[in-house]
Amino acid sequence: QVKLVESGGGSVQPGGSLRLSCAVSGFSLDGRAIGWFRQAPGKEREGVSCIDDDDTTYYTDSVKGRFTVSRDIAKNMVYLQMNSLKPEDTAVYYCAVTVLGRDYWGQGTQVTVST
């Protein structure tokens, strides 16, 4: 059974940092791409970052230089280190993966950036 569980969200002031974690089970991260997405209130869900099956990483322009995606295959964990957070980063963050042609999503973790 494929399962993804995000954690690490919270409330921080602008300029602060958070590290999100995504614990996966039911499949191996080895050789598989996995992505981070976010959805802000009243907005559509958008892709934030992705780590490909060969560990190539991708970022949406608004987070380049501030966010870093990584993974620990042995622990079946994916991380999103978020630095220099801005109010516009406020959203629910999700990790997602495609396994055998089906998309799986976690339940999301809330990130709030405000003074």
N, C-alpha and C. Protein backbone atom coordinates (compact mmCIF):
# COMPACT_ATOMS: atom_id res chain seq x y z
N GLN A 1 0.85 -1.18 0.00
CA GLN A 1 0.00 0.00 0.00
C GLN A 1 0.89 1.24 0.00
N VAL A 2 0.72 2.07 -1.02
CA VAL A 2 1.51 3.30 -1.13
C VAL A 2 0.97 4.33 -0.16
N LYS A 3 1.88 4.93 0.59
CA LYS A 3 1.48 5.95 1.55
C LYS A 3 2.56 7.01 1.64
N LEU A 4 2.13 8.27 1.71
CA LEU A 4 3.05 9.39 1.88
C LEU A 4 2.53 10.23 3.05
N VAL A 5 3.43 10.59 3.95
CA VAL A 5 3.05 11.37 5.12
C VAL A 5 4.02 12.53 5.27
N GLU A 6 3.50 13.74 5.13
CA GLU A 6 4.31 14.94 5.28
C GLU A 6 4.32 15.40 6.74
N SER A 7 5.41 16.06 7.11
CA SER A 7 5.51 16.65 8.44
C SER A 7 6.51 17.80 8.37
N GLY A 8 6.56 18.58 9.44
CA GLY A 8 7.55 19.65 9.53
C GLY A 8 7.02 21.04 9.27
N GLY A 9 5.76 21.13 8.92
CA GLY A 9 5.20 22.45 8.70
C GLY A 9 5.06 23.23 9.99
N GLY A 10 4.70 24.50 9.87
CA GLY A 10 4.52 25.33 11.05
C GLY A 10 4.42 26.79 10.67
N SER A 11 4.52 27.64 11.69
CA SER A 11 4.45 29.08 11.50
C SER A 11 5.82 29.69 11.76
N VAL A 12 6.28 30.49 10.82
CA VAL A 12 7.57 31.15 10.97
C VAL A 12 7.46 32.59 10.51
N GLN A 13 8.40 33.40 10.93
CA GLN A 13 8.46 34.78 10.47
C GLN A 13 9.18 34.83 9.13
N PRO A 14 8.93 35.87 8.36
CA PRO A 14 9.67 36.04 7.10
C PRO A 14 11.17 35.98 7.35
N GLY A 15 11.86 35.28 6.45
CA GLY A 15 13.29 35.08 6.61
C GLY A 15 13.64 33.81 7.35
N GLY A 16 12.66 33.17 7.95
CA GLY A 16 12.91 31.95 8.70
C GLY A 16 13.05 30.72 7.82
N SER A 17 13.25 29.59 8.47
CA SER A 17 13.48 28.34 7.76
C SER A 17 12.60 27.23 8.33
N LEU A 18 12.28 26.29 7.49
CA LEU A 18 11.60 25.06 7.89
C LEU A 18 12.14 23.92 7.04
N ARG A 19 12.10 22.73 7.59
CA ARG A 19 12.42 21.55 6.79
C ARG A 19 11.23 20.62 6.81
N LEU A 20 10.67 20.41 5.64
CA LEU A 20 9.56 19.48 5.51
C LEU A 20 10.11 18.08 5.23
N SER A 21 9.41 17.11 5.76
CA SER A 21 9.76 15.71 5.53
C SER A 21 8.57 14.99 4.91
N CYS A 22 8.87 14.02 4.09
CA CYS A 22 7.84 13.17 3.50
C CYS A 22 8.29 11.73 3.69
N ALA A 23 7.58 11.02 4.53
CA ALA A 23 7.86 9.61 4.78
C ALA A 23 7.03 8.77 3.82
N VAL A 24 7.69 7.92 3.05
CA VAL A 24 6.96 7.12 2.07
C VAL A 24 7.04 5.65 2.44
N SER A 25 6.02 4.91 2.05
CA SER A 25 5.99 3.48 2.28
C SER A 25 5.21 2.81 1.16
N GLY A 26 5.45 1.54 0.99
CA GLY A 26 4.75 0.78 -0.04
C GLY A 26 5.46 0.76 -1.38
N PHE A 27 6.58 1.48 -1.48
CA PHE A 27 7.38 1.47 -2.69
C PHE A 27 8.76 1.99 -2.33
N SER A 28 9.71 1.81 -3.24
CA SER A 28 11.06 2.30 -3.00
C SER A 28 11.29 3.60 -3.75
N LEU A 29 12.01 4.51 -3.09
CA LEU A 29 12.38 5.76 -3.75
C LEU A 29 13.48 5.55 -4.79
N ASP A 30 14.17 4.44 -4.71
CA ASP A 30 15.29 4.19 -5.61
C ASP A 30 14.81 4.16 -7.06
N GLY A 31 15.39 5.03 -7.87
CA GLY A 31 15.04 5.07 -9.28
C GLY A 31 13.68 5.68 -9.59
N ARG A 32 13.16 6.45 -8.66
CA ARG A 32 11.82 7.02 -8.85
C ARG A 32 11.83 8.52 -8.55
N ALA A 33 11.17 9.28 -9.38
CA ALA A 33 11.04 10.71 -9.13
C ALA A 33 9.94 10.97 -8.11
N ILE A 34 10.12 12.04 -7.35
CA ILE A 34 9.10 12.43 -6.39
C ILE A 34 9.09 13.95 -6.32
N GLY A 35 7.93 14.52 -6.11
CA GLY A 35 7.82 15.97 -6.15
C GLY A 35 7.15 16.57 -4.93
N TRP A 36 7.40 17.86 -4.76
CA TRP A 36 6.73 18.68 -3.75
C TRP A 36 5.83 19.68 -4.46
N PHE A 37 4.62 19.83 -3.93
CA PHE A 37 3.66 20.77 -4.47
C PHE A 37 3.12 21.62 -3.34
N ARG A 38 2.47 22.71 -3.67
CA ARG A 38 1.84 23.52 -2.63
C ARG A 38 0.57 24.15 -3.17
N GLN A 39 -0.32 24.45 -2.24
CA GLN A 39 -1.56 25.11 -2.61
C GLN A 39 -1.86 26.18 -1.57
N ALA A 40 -1.88 27.40 -2.04
CA ALA A 40 -2.21 28.54 -1.18
C ALA A 40 -3.71 28.78 -1.24
N PRO A 41 -4.26 29.43 -0.22
CA PRO A 41 -5.71 29.69 -0.20
C PRO A 41 -6.15 30.44 -1.45
N GLY A 42 -7.18 29.92 -2.10
CA GLY A 42 -7.73 30.57 -3.26
C GLY A 42 -6.92 30.40 -4.53
N LYS A 43 -5.87 29.61 -4.46
CA LYS A 43 -5.02 29.42 -5.65
C LYS A 43 -4.97 27.95 -6.04
N GLU A 44 -4.54 27.71 -7.26
CA GLU A 44 -4.39 26.34 -7.72
C GLU A 44 -3.11 25.73 -7.15
N ARG A 45 -3.13 24.41 -7.07
CA ARG A 45 -1.93 23.72 -6.62
C ARG A 45 -0.82 23.92 -7.65
N GLU A 46 0.40 24.14 -7.18
CA GLU A 46 1.52 24.35 -8.08
C GLU A 46 2.70 23.46 -7.69
N GLY A 47 3.48 23.11 -8.68
CA GLY A 47 4.69 22.35 -8.42
C GLY A 47 5.77 23.24 -7.84
N VAL A 48 6.44 22.77 -6.82
CA VAL A 48 7.50 23.52 -6.15
C VAL A 48 8.87 22.97 -6.50
N SER A 49 9.01 21.67 -6.38
CA SER A 49 10.31 21.07 -6.59
C SER A 49 10.14 19.60 -6.91
N CYS A 50 11.15 19.05 -7.55
CA CYS A 50 11.11 17.63 -7.89
C CYS A 50 12.53 17.09 -7.86
N ILE A 51 12.66 15.86 -7.40
CA ILE A 51 13.94 15.18 -7.49
C ILE A 51 13.73 13.97 -8.37
N ASP A 52 14.49 13.90 -9.44
CA ASP A 52 14.27 12.90 -10.47
C ASP A 52 14.90 11.56 -10.08
N ASP A 53 14.68 10.55 -10.90
CA ASP A 53 15.19 9.22 -10.57
C ASP A 53 16.72 9.17 -10.56
N ASP A 54 17.36 10.12 -11.25
CA ASP A 54 18.83 10.17 -11.24
C ASP A 54 19.35 11.26 -10.31
N ASP A 55 18.49 11.73 -9.41
CA ASP A 55 18.81 12.76 -8.41
C ASP A 55 18.96 14.15 -8.99
N THR A 56 18.59 14.34 -10.25
CA THR A 56 18.51 15.70 -10.77
C THR A 56 17.37 16.42 -10.06
N THR A 57 17.61 17.68 -9.71
CA THR A 57 16.59 18.43 -8.98
C THR A 57 16.06 19.58 -9.83
N TYR A 58 14.81 19.91 -9.58
CA TYR A 58 14.15 20.97 -10.30
C TYR A 58 13.39 21.84 -9.30
N TYR A 59 13.31 23.14 -9.62
CA TYR A 59 12.62 24.08 -8.74
C TYR A 59 11.82 25.07 -9.57
N THR A 60 10.69 25.46 -9.04
CA THR A 60 9.98 26.55 -9.68
C THR A 60 10.77 27.83 -9.43
N ASP A 61 10.64 28.78 -10.33
CA ASP A 61 11.50 29.97 -10.26
C ASP A 61 11.40 30.70 -8.93
N SER A 62 10.22 30.74 -8.35
CA SER A 62 10.02 31.55 -7.14
C SER A 62 10.76 31.00 -5.92
N VAL A 63 11.23 29.76 -5.98
CA VAL A 63 11.91 29.19 -4.81
C VAL A 63 13.38 28.87 -5.09
N LYS A 64 13.82 29.08 -6.30
CA LYS A 64 15.22 28.78 -6.63
C LYS A 64 16.16 29.58 -5.75
N GLY A 65 17.17 28.90 -5.25
CA GLY A 65 18.14 29.55 -4.37
C GLY A 65 17.72 29.59 -2.92
N ARG A 66 16.46 29.23 -2.63
CA ARG A 66 15.98 29.26 -1.25
C ARG A 66 15.58 27.87 -0.75
N PHE A 67 15.08 27.04 -1.63
CA PHE A 67 14.62 25.70 -1.26
C PHE A 67 15.58 24.66 -1.81
N THR A 68 15.72 23.56 -1.07
CA THR A 68 16.56 22.45 -1.51
C THR A 68 15.83 21.14 -1.25
N VAL A 69 15.68 20.35 -2.29
CA VAL A 69 15.05 19.04 -2.15
C VAL A 69 16.14 17.97 -2.06
N SER A 70 15.87 16.97 -1.23
CA SER A 70 16.83 15.86 -1.10
C SER A 70 16.05 14.62 -0.68
N ARG A 71 16.75 13.50 -0.69
CA ARG A 71 16.08 12.27 -0.26
C ARG A 71 17.09 11.32 0.32
N ASP A 72 16.60 10.45 1.18
CA ASP A 72 17.38 9.39 1.79
C ASP A 72 16.70 8.08 1.41
N ILE A 73 17.26 7.41 0.42
CA ILE A 73 16.61 6.21 -0.09
C ILE A 73 16.54 5.13 0.97
N ALA A 74 17.59 5.00 1.78
CA ALA A 74 17.62 3.96 2.81
C ALA A 74 16.51 4.15 3.83
N LYS A 75 16.18 5.41 4.11
CA LYS A 75 15.13 5.71 5.09
C LYS A 75 13.77 5.93 4.45
N ASN A 76 13.73 5.90 3.11
CA ASN A 76 12.48 6.19 2.39
C ASN A 76 11.91 7.54 2.78
N MET A 77 12.78 8.53 2.82
CA MET A 77 12.38 9.88 3.21
C MET A 77 12.76 10.88 2.13
N VAL A 78 11.93 11.88 1.97
CA VAL A 78 12.20 13.00 1.08
C VAL A 78 12.09 14.27 1.91
N TYR A 79 12.95 15.23 1.63
CA TYR A 79 13.00 16.45 2.42
C TYR A 79 12.90 17.67 1.52
N LEU A 80 12.38 18.74 2.09
CA LEU A 80 12.39 20.03 1.42
C LEU A 80 12.86 21.06 2.44
N GLN A 81 14.10 21.48 2.30
CA GLN A 81 14.65 22.51 3.16
C GLN A 81 14.26 23.86 2.58
N MET A 82 13.59 24.65 3.39
CA MET A 82 13.09 25.95 2.93
C MET A 82 13.72 27.05 3.76
N ASN A 83 14.51 27.88 3.11
CA ASN A 83 15.17 29.00 3.77
C ASN A 83 14.64 30.32 3.22
N SER A 84 14.94 31.38 3.96
CA SER A 84 14.52 32.73 3.53
C SER A 84 13.05 32.75 3.14
N LEU A 85 12.24 32.20 4.00
CA LEU A 85 10.81 32.09 3.69
C LEU A 85 10.15 33.45 3.58
N LYS A 86 9.19 33.52 2.68
CA LYS A 86 8.45 34.74 2.42
C LYS A 86 6.96 34.51 2.68
N PRO A 87 6.23 35.56 2.94
CA PRO A 87 4.77 35.38 3.15
C PRO A 87 4.10 34.66 1.99
N GLU A 88 4.58 34.87 0.78
CA GLU A 88 3.96 34.21 -0.37
C GLU A 88 4.26 32.71 -0.45
N ASP A 89 5.11 32.22 0.45
CA ASP A 89 5.33 30.77 0.54
C ASP A 89 4.26 30.09 1.38
N THR A 90 3.40 30.87 2.01
CA THR A 90 2.33 30.30 2.83
C THR A 90 1.43 29.43 1.98
N ALA A 91 1.27 28.18 2.40
CA ALA A 91 0.48 27.22 1.63
C ALA A 91 0.47 25.89 2.38
N VAL A 92 -0.36 24.98 1.90
CA VAL A 92 -0.26 23.59 2.31
C VAL A 92 0.68 22.90 1.33
N TYR A 93 1.65 22.21 1.87
CA TYR A 93 2.67 21.56 1.05
C TYR A 93 2.42 20.05 1.02
N TYR A 94 2.52 19.49 -0.17
CA TYR A 94 2.27 18.08 -0.39
C TYR A 94 3.46 17.43 -1.10
N CYS A 95 3.72 16.18 -0.79
CA CYS A 95 4.62 15.39 -1.62
C CYS A 95 3.76 14.43 -2.44
N ALA A 96 4.26 14.08 -3.60
CA ALA A 96 3.47 13.25 -4.50
C ALA A 96 4.39 12.39 -5.36
N VAL A 97 3.88 11.24 -5.74
CA VAL A 97 4.65 10.29 -6.53
C VAL A 97 3.71 9.53 -7.45
N THR A 98 4.24 9.07 -8.56
CA THR A 98 3.47 8.22 -9.46
C THR A 98 4.04 6.81 -9.39
N VAL A 99 3.19 5.86 -9.08
CA VAL A 99 3.60 4.47 -8.98
C VAL A 99 2.67 3.64 -9.86
N LEU A 100 3.25 2.94 -10.81
CA LEU A 100 2.48 2.10 -11.74
C LEU A 100 1.34 2.89 -12.36
N GLY A 101 1.65 4.12 -12.77
CA GLY A 101 0.70 4.94 -13.50
C GLY A 101 -0.35 5.64 -12.67
N ARG A 102 -0.27 5.50 -11.37
CA ARG A 102 -1.25 6.13 -10.50
C ARG A 102 -0.54 7.16 -9.62
N ASP A 103 -1.17 8.32 -9.45
CA ASP A 103 -0.61 9.38 -8.61
C ASP A 103 -1.05 9.20 -7.16
N TYR A 104 -0.08 9.37 -6.27
CA TYR A 104 -0.36 9.30 -4.84
C TYR A 104 0.09 10.61 -4.18
N TRP A 105 -0.73 11.07 -3.24
CA TRP A 105 -0.47 12.31 -2.53
C TRP A 105 -0.52 12.08 -1.03
N GLY A 106 0.26 12.86 -0.32
CA GLY A 106 0.14 12.87 1.12
C GLY A 106 -1.02 13.77 1.53
N GLN A 107 -1.19 13.90 2.84
CA GLN A 107 -2.30 14.70 3.36
C GLN A 107 -1.96 16.19 3.43
N GLY A 108 -0.70 16.49 3.31
CA GLY A 108 -0.26 17.88 3.32
C GLY A 108 0.15 18.36 4.70
N THR A 109 1.01 19.39 4.70
CA THR A 109 1.43 20.03 5.94
C THR A 109 1.39 21.54 5.73
N GLN A 110 0.84 22.26 6.68
CA GLN A 110 0.63 23.70 6.55
C GLN A 110 1.90 24.47 6.88
N VAL A 111 2.25 25.39 6.00
CA VAL A 111 3.35 26.32 6.23
C VAL A 111 2.77 27.73 6.20
N THR A 112 3.00 28.46 7.28
CA THR A 112 2.51 29.83 7.37
C THR A 112 3.69 30.75 7.66
N VAL A 113 3.85 31.76 6.81
CA VAL A 113 4.94 32.72 6.98
C VAL A 113 4.31 34.09 7.20
N SER A 114 4.48 34.62 8.39
CA SER A 114 3.88 35.92 8.70
C SER A 114 4.59 36.55 9.88
N THR A 115 4.42 37.86 10.00
CA THR A 115 5.03 38.58 11.13
C THR A 115 4.16 38.47 12.36
